[in-house]
Amino acid sequence: MLLLCCLFTGVKGQGLLTPGVSADPRISIKKVATGRIIHRFHDTSPISPSGRYIALFRIPFEDHYPVEGDFGEVVLVDLVSGKEEVIAKSFGWEMQVGANVQWGGSDNELFYNQVDTTNWEAFTILYNPQTRKKRRINGWTFMVSSDGKKLVSHNLVNSIYAQSGYGVIVPEKFRARHHGLTGKDGIFVTDVKSGKSRMVISLEDMYKQAKPAVGIPDPENYQVYGFKAMWNPQATRIMTCMLFYPKDGGRRKVAVLTFRPDGSDVRTAITTSQYAKGGHHMAWMPDGDHLSINLNVNDNKQGLEIVTVKYDGSDLKEVFHPGSGHPSFHPKNLPLVVTDSYRDETSVTLNDGFIPVRLLNTETGKETLIAKVRIPDVTNSSFRLDAHPTWDRTGRFVIFNGYGDGSRGVYIADLQHLTQTK
């Protein structure tokens, strides 16, 4: 990680703060790429395992939604030389997470989604930055296991019906809405070595096998989708959301479920009734048994709480208030959480076009401002920019999106003095 540290000599701030609001002066921030560019999400690091590279995605425009056939760019930045290289054009992307560009277990394994526009088939590309060779894998990628051996995903083709921004865009005739439960769609795991993908559990079986029950007694009255499939750090358990949209309209209902990689032992971590009080954005904790989530557990009108809960719904604890944004725990099990906020989470933001990137200590209750990030004004939330702050694998650096210079860009903050991590 010494390679990355050389970026920060004499670097402070980078103009991300609102007037009159100061971040911790010990934090150095470096812009690493700009020009309609984002990193993926809050639960994976875009920095390669060695610290040499950062892998990002450049969207082609910021003022309208993509349609089938629009492509963006997979961008690789050498953090030592500063060289920026477009390594691929991808047709397999959406606005919030791009093409789900992410690393496997080494600097030789970079994954991203792709779509063949001749038949509109979606699949994964494994790219080796050292040899520049690409290999097609016939499965979707939402998240790569930390060792790079397995991929997991909800149905990225149908993902736009679950929530726009997190899948791939294909013509409507290749997608399918789900009226009630289905045994033909679910969560998919792909073995990278063999390139074979299979549905490990259907939405119907997930619902029927979940313990305790998810909280929807009449699923036939809903459109039902899987969403955001995520590995725990040990690749021993998968977490996903099950979304229920009432057929007659109204607010969706959400349950958070976990299960083993073969689809067995389905447990409900958060029921729909718990989630309905207010909640969003879950992530695995380092132990692989617990997850964190913003949740209203105290009927608090001053924002949500960040809570932790075991994969089976037990051991639920409030760890910080107020919660916001996209929280994730320090990868080395320090009592530190990094998160951002949504513009309208007024318990932590002024709804003034800036959002905080927050460092929270769950033991002391102390909050440290890393940066106050400008976000674009949008009338459609599908075009929003989320900071999506994420730890690098060492737990020293935090990577996040921002909107400096009138376009999306990616920044790295050095938190060595706050984490004591080299």
Protein backbone atom coordinates (compact mmCIF):
# COMPACT_ATOMS: atom_id res chain seq x y z
CA MET A 1 0.00 0.00 0.00
CA LEU A 2 3.09 2.26 -0.04
CA LEU A 3 2.31 2.79 -3.71
CA LEU A 4 -0.91 4.58 -2.83
CA CYS A 5 0.58 6.57 0.04
CA CYS A 6 2.85 8.53 -2.32
CA LEU A 7 -0.24 10.21 -3.79
CA PHE A 8 -0.87 12.18 -0.63
CA THR A 9 2.33 14.15 -0.17
CA GLY A 10 1.25 17.73 0.52
CA VAL A 11 -2.37 17.12 -0.49
CA LYS A 12 -5.15 18.65 1.62
CA GLY A 13 -8.85 19.21 1.09
CA GLN A 14 -9.25 19.65 -2.67
CA GLY A 15 -12.08 22.19 -2.29
CA LEU A 16 -14.79 19.72 -1.35
CA LEU A 17 -16.01 21.53 1.74
CA THR A 18 -18.83 24.00 2.06
CA PRO A 19 -17.91 27.44 3.37
CA GLY A 20 -17.73 27.47 7.15
CA VAL A 21 -17.61 23.68 7.50
CA SER A 22 -14.25 22.12 8.28
CA ALA A 23 -13.19 18.51 8.02
CA ASP A 24 -10.56 17.04 10.30
CA PRO A 25 -7.30 18.78 9.25
CA ARG A 26 -5.37 15.52 9.48
CA ILE A 27 -7.30 14.10 6.52
CA SER A 28 -5.72 14.40 3.08
CA ILE A 29 -7.97 14.07 0.04
CA LYS A 30 -6.88 13.41 -3.52
CA LYS A 31 -9.00 13.52 -6.66
CA VAL A 32 -7.99 10.56 -8.81
CA ALA A 33 -10.36 10.78 -11.76
CA THR A 34 -13.07 13.03 -13.12
CA GLY A 35 -15.27 13.55 -16.16
CA ARG A 36 -18.54 11.65 -15.58
CA ILE A 37 -16.73 8.94 -13.62
CA ILE A 38 -17.82 6.91 -10.59
CA HIS A 39 -16.71 3.96 -8.51
CA ARG A 40 -19.09 1.10 -7.85
CA PHE A 41 -20.67 0.90 -4.37
CA HIS A 42 -20.17 1.19 -0.63
CA ASP A 43 -19.26 -2.45 0.07
CA THR A 44 -16.32 -3.07 -2.30
CA SER A 45 -13.04 -1.25 -2.84
CA PRO A 46 -12.24 0.01 -6.34
CA ILE A 47 -8.53 -0.07 -5.40
CA SER A 48 -6.71 -3.21 -6.49
CA PRO A 49 -5.45 -5.66 -3.86
CA SER A 50 -1.86 -4.38 -4.15
CA GLY A 51 -2.90 -0.72 -4.04
CA ARG A 52 -1.42 -0.02 -7.46
CA TYR A 53 -4.60 0.61 -9.49
CA ILE A 54 -8.11 1.96 -9.16
CA ALA A 55 -10.84 0.67 -11.48
CA LEU A 56 -13.76 2.98 -12.30
CA PHE A 57 -16.59 3.55 -14.75
CA ARG A 58 -17.26 6.57 -16.96
CA ILE A 59 -20.90 7.13 -17.84
CA PRO A 60 -21.47 8.73 -21.27
CA PHE A 61 -23.86 11.45 -20.07
CA GLU A 62 -25.39 12.84 -16.89
CA ASP A 63 -28.67 14.38 -18.08
CA HIS A 64 -30.78 11.44 -19.27
CA TYR A 65 -31.22 7.75 -18.63
CA PRO A 66 -29.42 5.14 -20.76
CA VAL A 67 -31.25 3.01 -23.29
CA GLU A 68 -30.20 -0.27 -24.82
CA GLY A 69 -27.10 0.18 -26.96
CA ASP A 70 -25.62 3.06 -24.94
CA PHE A 71 -22.14 2.29 -23.68
CA GLY A 72 -19.86 3.60 -20.99
CA GLU A 73 -16.16 3.07 -20.36
CA VAL A 74 -14.27 0.87 -17.93
CA VAL A 75 -11.34 2.99 -16.79
CA LEU A 76 -8.14 1.83 -15.12
CA VAL A 77 -5.97 4.41 -13.34
CA ASP A 78 -2.38 3.69 -12.30
CA LEU A 79 -2.15 5.35 -8.89
CA VAL A 80 1.64 5.64 -9.13
CA SER A 81 2.04 7.16 -12.58
CA GLY A 82 -1.41 8.75 -12.77
CA LYS A 83 -1.94 7.20 -16.20
CA GLU A 84 -5.60 6.74 -17.07
CA GLU A 85 -6.58 4.09 -19.59
CA VAL A 86 -9.92 3.07 -21.07
CA ILE A 87 -9.73 -0.71 -21.16
CA ALA A 88 -13.21 -1.46 -22.49
CA LYS A 89 -16.52 -0.13 -23.68
CA SER A 90 -19.36 -1.72 -21.76
CA PHE A 91 -23.01 -1.92 -22.79
CA GLY A 92 -23.82 -3.64 -19.47
CA TRP A 93 -24.37 -0.80 -17.03
CA GLU A 94 -26.76 1.54 -15.26
CA MET A 95 -26.44 4.93 -13.55
CA GLN A 96 -25.76 4.07 -9.92
CA VAL A 97 -23.08 1.36 -10.04
CA GLY A 98 -21.93 1.51 -13.65
CA ALA A 99 -20.90 -1.93 -14.94
CA ASN A 100 -20.21 -3.22 -11.40
CA VAL A 101 -16.46 -2.95 -12.05
CA GLN A 102 -14.57 -4.68 -9.23
CA TRP A 103 -11.48 -6.66 -8.34
CA GLY A 104 -11.07 -10.31 -7.49
CA GLY A 105 -8.28 -11.71 -5.35
CA SER A 106 -5.35 -10.11 -7.20
CA ASP A 107 -4.39 -7.30 -9.57
CA ASN A 108 -4.80 -9.80 -12.41
CA GLU A 109 -8.56 -10.14 -11.89
CA LEU A 110 -10.85 -7.29 -12.86
CA PHE A 111 -14.53 -8.03 -13.48
CA TYR A 112 -17.26 -6.04 -15.19
CA ASN A 113 -20.63 -6.61 -16.85
CA GLN A 114 -21.12 -6.60 -20.59
CA VAL A 115 -24.03 -7.01 -23.04
CA ASP A 116 -23.84 -8.48 -26.53
CA THR A 117 -26.00 -6.08 -28.56
CA THR A 118 -26.54 -8.63 -31.35
CA ASN A 119 -28.63 -10.91 -29.11
CA TRP A 120 -28.92 -8.77 -25.94
CA GLU A 121 -27.33 -11.41 -23.76
CA ALA A 122 -25.72 -10.10 -20.56
CA PHE A 123 -22.56 -11.67 -19.14
CA THR A 124 -19.32 -10.94 -17.26
CA ILE A 125 -15.85 -10.12 -18.55
CA LEU A 126 -12.75 -11.07 -16.56
CA TYR A 127 -9.88 -8.79 -17.59
CA ASN A 128 -6.20 -9.21 -16.73
CA PRO A 129 -4.51 -5.76 -16.66
CA GLN A 130 -1.08 -7.37 -16.83
CA THR A 131 -1.61 -9.50 -19.96
CA ARG A 132 -4.52 -7.40 -21.34
CA LYS A 133 -6.43 -10.60 -22.03
CA LYS A 134 -10.20 -10.88 -21.56
CA ARG A 135 -12.34 -13.90 -20.82
CA ARG A 136 -16.10 -14.16 -21.11
CA ILE A 137 -17.95 -15.69 -18.16
CA ASN A 138 -21.57 -16.66 -18.73
CA GLY A 139 -22.99 -15.20 -15.55
CA TRP A 140 -23.87 -11.80 -14.13
CA THR A 141 -21.80 -9.86 -11.60
CA PHE A 142 -23.28 -7.84 -8.79
CA MET A 143 -20.57 -8.75 -6.29
CA VAL A 144 -17.32 -10.73 -6.56
CA SER A 145 -16.20 -12.84 -3.61
CA SER A 146 -13.10 -11.47 -1.89
CA ASP A 147 -10.96 -14.31 -3.26
CA GLY A 148 -12.25 -13.79 -6.80
CA LYS A 149 -13.53 -17.36 -7.14
CA LYS A 150 -17.29 -16.74 -7.19
CA LEU A 151 -19.72 -14.16 -8.55
CA VAL A 152 -23.19 -13.53 -7.13
CA SER A 153 -26.03 -11.52 -8.59
CA HIS A 154 -29.73 -10.93 -8.67
CA ASN A 155 -31.23 -10.87 -12.15
CA LEU A 156 -29.53 -7.85 -13.72
CA VAL A 157 -31.75 -7.93 -16.82
CA ASN A 158 -34.92 -7.59 -14.74
CA SER A 159 -33.23 -5.31 -12.22
CA ILE A 160 -34.80 -2.14 -13.60
CA TYR A 161 -38.18 -3.39 -12.36
CA ALA A 162 -36.72 -3.88 -8.88
CA GLN A 163 -35.00 -0.47 -8.79
CA SER A 164 -33.38 1.50 -11.57
CA GLY A 165 -29.63 2.03 -11.51
CA TYR A 166 -28.13 -1.33 -10.54
CA GLY A 167 -28.44 -3.69 -13.50
CA VAL A 168 -28.07 -3.68 -17.27
CA ILE A 169 -30.28 -2.18 -19.97
CA VAL A 170 -31.72 -4.42 -22.68
CA PRO A 171 -34.86 -4.09 -24.84
CA GLU A 172 -38.09 -4.58 -22.92
CA LYS A 173 -38.98 -7.80 -24.75
CA PHE A 174 -35.96 -9.48 -23.11
CA ARG A 175 -37.14 -8.56 -19.59
CA ALA A 176 -39.93 -10.04 -17.49
CA ARG A 177 -42.12 -8.68 -14.72
CA HIS A 178 -42.96 -11.02 -11.88
CA HIS A 179 -46.60 -11.23 -10.84
CA GLY A 180 -46.41 -13.03 -7.52
CA LEU A 181 -43.69 -15.52 -6.67
CA THR A 182 -41.72 -17.27 -9.40
CA GLY A 183 -39.60 -20.39 -9.50
CA LYS A 184 -37.81 -19.23 -12.65
CA ASP A 185 -35.90 -16.26 -11.23
CA GLY A 186 -33.84 -15.73 -8.10
CA ILE A 187 -30.21 -15.41 -7.02
CA PHE A 188 -27.38 -16.67 -9.22
CA VAL A 189 -23.86 -17.84 -8.35
CA THR A 190 -21.14 -18.23 -10.97
CA ASP A 191 -17.96 -20.25 -10.60
CA VAL A 192 -15.19 -18.16 -12.16
CA LYS A 193 -12.86 -21.04 -13.00
CA SER A 194 -15.44 -23.07 -14.90
CA GLY A 195 -17.47 -20.09 -16.09
CA LYS A 196 -20.68 -21.88 -15.17
CA SER A 197 -23.58 -20.04 -13.55
CA ARG A 198 -26.65 -21.42 -11.83
CA MET A 199 -29.65 -20.15 -9.92
CA VAL A 200 -28.94 -21.33 -6.38
CA ILE A 201 -32.37 -20.37 -5.07
CA SER A 202 -35.56 -19.11 -6.67
CA LEU A 203 -37.65 -16.26 -5.33
CA GLU A 204 -40.42 -18.74 -4.61
CA ASP A 205 -38.17 -21.03 -2.56
CA MET A 206 -36.55 -18.09 -0.80
CA TYR A 207 -39.95 -16.92 0.36
CA LYS A 208 -41.16 -20.39 1.41
CA GLN A 209 -37.97 -21.43 3.21
CA ALA A 210 -37.22 -18.17 5.05
CA LYS A 211 -37.11 -18.43 8.85
CA PRO A 212 -38.73 -16.41 10.30
CA ALA A 213 -41.30 -15.59 7.61
CA VAL A 214 -40.60 -12.39 5.68
CA GLY A 215 -43.93 -10.85 6.72
CA ILE A 216 -45.97 -10.93 3.48
CA PRO A 217 -48.88 -13.39 3.80
CA ASP A 218 -50.27 -12.71 0.30
CA PRO A 219 -47.35 -12.55 -2.18
CA GLU A 220 -49.74 -13.16 -5.09
CA ASN A 221 -50.82 -9.53 -4.68
CA TYR A 222 -47.31 -8.22 -5.35
CA GLN A 223 -44.65 -8.02 -8.02
CA VAL A 224 -41.69 -9.76 -6.38
CA TYR A 225 -38.00 -9.28 -7.21
CA GLY A 226 -34.57 -10.09 -5.83
CA PHE A 227 -32.13 -7.21 -5.44
CA LYS A 228 -28.51 -6.55 -4.40
CA ALA A 229 -26.94 -9.95 -3.78
CA MET A 230 -23.83 -9.58 -1.60
CA TRP A 231 -21.11 -11.97 -0.35
CA ASN A 232 -19.91 -11.85 3.21
CA PRO A 233 -16.09 -11.43 3.45
CA GLN A 234 -15.59 -15.18 3.95
CA ALA A 235 -17.81 -16.10 0.97
CA THR A 236 -19.76 -18.43 3.28
CA ARG A 237 -23.06 -16.58 3.16
CA ILE A 238 -25.06 -14.40 0.75
CA MET A 239 -27.33 -11.50 1.65
CA THR A 240 -30.03 -10.10 -0.60
CA CYS A 241 -33.17 -7.98 -0.55
CA MET A 242 -36.56 -9.32 -1.50
CA LEU A 243 -38.75 -6.54 -2.87
CA PHE A 244 -42.56 -6.64 -2.90
CA TYR A 245 -44.39 -4.06 -5.02
CA PRO A 246 -48.19 -3.99 -4.46
CA LYS A 247 -49.99 -4.65 -7.73
CA ASP A 248 -52.55 -1.98 -6.90
CA GLY A 249 -49.85 0.61 -6.22
CA GLY A 250 -48.39 1.95 -3.02
CA ARG A 251 -45.07 1.74 -1.23
CA ARG A 252 -42.89 -1.29 -1.77
CA LYS A 253 -42.08 -3.68 1.08
CA VAL A 254 -38.57 -4.97 1.69
CA ALA A 255 -37.12 -7.94 3.55
CA VAL A 256 -33.41 -8.70 4.02
CA LEU A 257 -32.53 -12.38 3.76
CA THR A 258 -29.36 -14.45 3.98
CA PHE A 259 -28.48 -17.99 2.96
CA ARG A 260 -25.55 -20.27 2.22
CA PRO A 261 -23.93 -20.21 -1.24
CA ASP A 262 -25.88 -23.32 -2.25
CA GLY A 263 -29.19 -21.63 -1.39
CA SER A 264 -29.79 -23.54 1.86
CA ASP A 265 -30.47 -22.25 5.39
CA VAL A 266 -32.54 -19.22 4.37
CA ARG A 267 -32.84 -16.77 7.25
CA THR A 268 -34.68 -13.46 7.51
CA ALA A 269 -32.38 -10.85 8.99
CA ILE A 270 -34.89 -7.97 8.66
CA THR A 271 -38.61 -8.56 8.13
CA THR A 272 -40.82 -6.34 6.00
CA SER A 273 -42.50 -4.94 9.12
CA GLN A 274 -39.15 -3.96 10.64
CA TYR A 275 -38.01 -2.36 7.38
CA ALA A 276 -41.30 -0.51 6.92
CA LYS A 277 -40.64 1.69 9.96
CA GLY A 278 -37.75 3.20 8.01
CA GLY A 279 -34.59 1.57 6.73
CA HIS A 280 -32.08 1.28 3.94
CA HIS A 281 -28.64 0.06 2.88
CA MET A 282 -27.24 -3.01 4.45
CA ALA A 283 -23.67 -4.34 4.33
CA TRP A 284 -21.85 -7.33 5.78
CA MET A 285 -19.61 -6.78 8.79
CA PRO A 286 -16.07 -8.20 8.91
CA ASP A 287 -17.04 -11.25 11.00
CA GLY A 288 -19.32 -12.53 8.24
CA ASP A 289 -22.06 -13.32 10.75
CA HIS A 290 -23.50 -9.84 11.27
CA LEU A 291 -24.63 -7.07 8.98
CA SER A 292 -25.19 -3.35 9.46
CA ILE A 293 -28.16 -1.32 8.25
CA ASN A 294 -29.91 2.02 8.73
CA LEU A 295 -33.11 1.17 10.58
CA ASN A 296 -35.73 2.89 12.70
CA VAL A 297 -35.73 0.77 15.85
CA ASN A 298 -36.76 3.45 18.37
CA ASP A 299 -39.51 5.25 16.41
CA ASN A 300 -37.05 8.13 16.29
CA LYS A 301 -38.21 11.18 14.36
CA GLN A 302 -34.68 12.60 14.21
CA GLY A 303 -33.28 10.16 11.69
CA LEU A 304 -32.60 6.45 11.54
CA GLU A 305 -30.21 4.48 13.72
CA ILE A 306 -27.32 2.41 12.44
CA VAL A 307 -27.87 -1.06 13.83
CA THR A 308 -26.11 -4.39 13.62
CA VAL A 309 -27.91 -7.72 13.45
CA LYS A 310 -26.93 -11.36 13.03
CA TYR A 311 -27.65 -13.05 9.71
CA ASP A 312 -30.66 -14.83 11.23
CA GLY A 313 -32.31 -11.72 12.68
CA SER A 314 -31.03 -12.19 16.23
CA ASP A 315 -28.70 -9.98 18.25
CA LEU A 316 -30.06 -6.69 16.91
CA LYS A 317 -28.28 -3.69 18.45
CA GLU A 318 -28.28 0.06 17.91
CA VAL A 319 -24.67 1.22 17.46
CA PHE A 320 -24.94 4.87 16.31
CA HIS A 321 -27.47 7.67 15.96
CA PRO A 322 -28.26 9.30 13.65
CA GLY A 323 -27.67 6.92 10.80
CA SER A 324 -27.66 7.93 7.14
CA GLY A 325 -26.57 7.04 3.66
CA HIS A 326 -24.50 3.95 2.95
CA PRO A 327 -22.79 2.71 6.14
CA SER A 328 -20.02 0.13 6.21
CA PHE A 329 -17.77 -1.05 9.03
CA HIS A 330 -13.98 -0.91 9.04
CA PRO A 331 -12.59 -4.06 7.36
CA LYS A 332 -10.12 -4.75 10.19
CA ASN A 333 -12.90 -4.82 12.80
CA LEU A 334 -12.16 -1.42 14.31
CA PRO A 335 -15.24 0.28 15.84
CA LEU A 336 -15.41 2.68 12.88
CA VAL A 337 -18.15 3.17 10.31
CA VAL A 338 -17.92 5.30 7.19
CA THR A 339 -21.10 6.59 5.59
CA ASP A 340 -22.57 9.49 3.61
CA SER A 341 -26.16 10.71 3.46
CA TYR A 342 -28.99 11.37 1.11
CA ARG A 343 -29.78 14.98 0.42
CA ASP A 344 -33.08 14.81 2.32
CA GLU A 345 -31.67 13.16 5.44
CA THR A 346 -31.87 16.39 7.34
CA SER A 347 -30.69 14.89 10.61
CA VAL A 348 -27.18 15.18 9.14
CA THR A 349 -27.48 17.54 6.16
CA LEU A 350 -28.96 20.95 5.36
CA ASN A 351 -30.46 19.83 2.04
CA ASP A 352 -28.29 22.49 0.42
CA GLY A 353 -26.62 20.54 -2.38
CA PHE A 354 -23.87 19.12 -0.15
CA ILE A 355 -23.74 15.87 1.77
CA PRO A 356 -21.29 14.80 4.47
CA VAL A 357 -18.92 11.86 4.30
CA ARG A 358 -18.96 10.78 7.93
CA LEU A 359 -16.59 8.72 10.08
CA LEU A 360 -18.40 7.32 13.11
CA ASN A 361 -16.86 5.69 16.19
CA THR A 362 -19.36 3.22 17.61
CA GLU A 363 -17.51 2.92 20.91
CA THR A 364 -17.07 6.60 21.76
CA GLY A 365 -20.04 8.02 19.83
CA LYS A 366 -17.70 10.54 18.19
CA GLU A 367 -18.29 11.70 14.63
CA THR A 368 -15.56 13.06 12.35
CA LEU A 369 -16.30 14.90 9.13
CA ILE A 370 -14.17 13.55 6.30
CA ALA A 371 -15.57 15.86 3.62
CA LYS A 372 -18.68 17.77 2.65
CA VAL A 373 -19.36 16.69 -0.92
CA ARG A 374 -21.22 18.61 -3.61
CA ILE A 375 -23.93 16.63 -5.40
CA PRO A 376 -25.80 17.58 -8.58
CA ASP A 377 -29.32 18.96 -8.55
CA VAL A 378 -31.66 16.40 -10.11
CA THR A 379 -35.42 16.18 -10.47
CA ASN A 380 -35.36 12.41 -11.05
CA SER A 381 -33.60 10.39 -8.37
CA SER A 382 -32.43 7.90 -11.00
CA PHE A 383 -29.85 10.53 -12.05
CA ARG A 384 -28.66 11.28 -8.50
CA LEU A 385 -25.04 10.99 -7.46
CA ASP A 386 -24.41 9.09 -4.23
CA ALA A 387 -20.99 9.41 -2.59
CA HIS A 388 -20.96 5.65 -1.82
CA PRO A 389 -17.96 5.91 0.55
CA THR A 390 -16.07 2.63 0.86
CA TRP A 391 -12.99 1.42 2.70
CA ASP A 392 -10.01 0.10 0.82
CA ARG A 393 -8.89 -3.39 1.86
CA THR A 394 -6.30 -2.12 4.34
CA GLY A 395 -8.79 0.12 6.18
CA ARG A 396 -6.60 3.21 5.81
CA PHE A 397 -8.24 4.88 2.81
CA VAL A 398 -11.84 5.84 2.02
CA ILE A 399 -12.93 6.23 -1.60
CA PHE A 400 -16.01 8.24 -2.56
CA ASN A 401 -17.80 9.95 -5.43
CA GLY A 402 -18.22 13.72 -5.69
CA TYR A 403 -19.35 16.42 -8.10
CA GLY A 404 -16.42 18.79 -8.30
CA ASP A 405 -15.93 20.96 -11.40
CA GLY A 406 -19.48 20.30 -12.61
CA SER A 407 -19.02 16.59 -13.28
CA ARG A 408 -18.81 13.32 -11.42
CA GLY A 409 -15.42 12.36 -10.07
CA VAL A 410 -13.75 10.00 -7.60
CA TYR A 411 -11.71 10.93 -4.53
CA ILE A 412 -9.52 9.13 -2.01
CA ALA A 413 -9.19 10.25 1.62
CA ASP A 414 -6.23 9.18 3.75
CA LEU A 415 -7.40 8.36 7.28
CA GLN A 416 -4.14 6.99 8.64
CA HIS A 417 -4.09 9.30 11.68
CA LEU A 418 -7.63 8.30 12.59
CA THR A 419 -7.27 4.56 12.01
CA GLN A 420 -3.56 4.06 12.78
CA THR A 421 -3.53 1.76 9.77
CA LYS A 422 -0.48 1.66 7.53
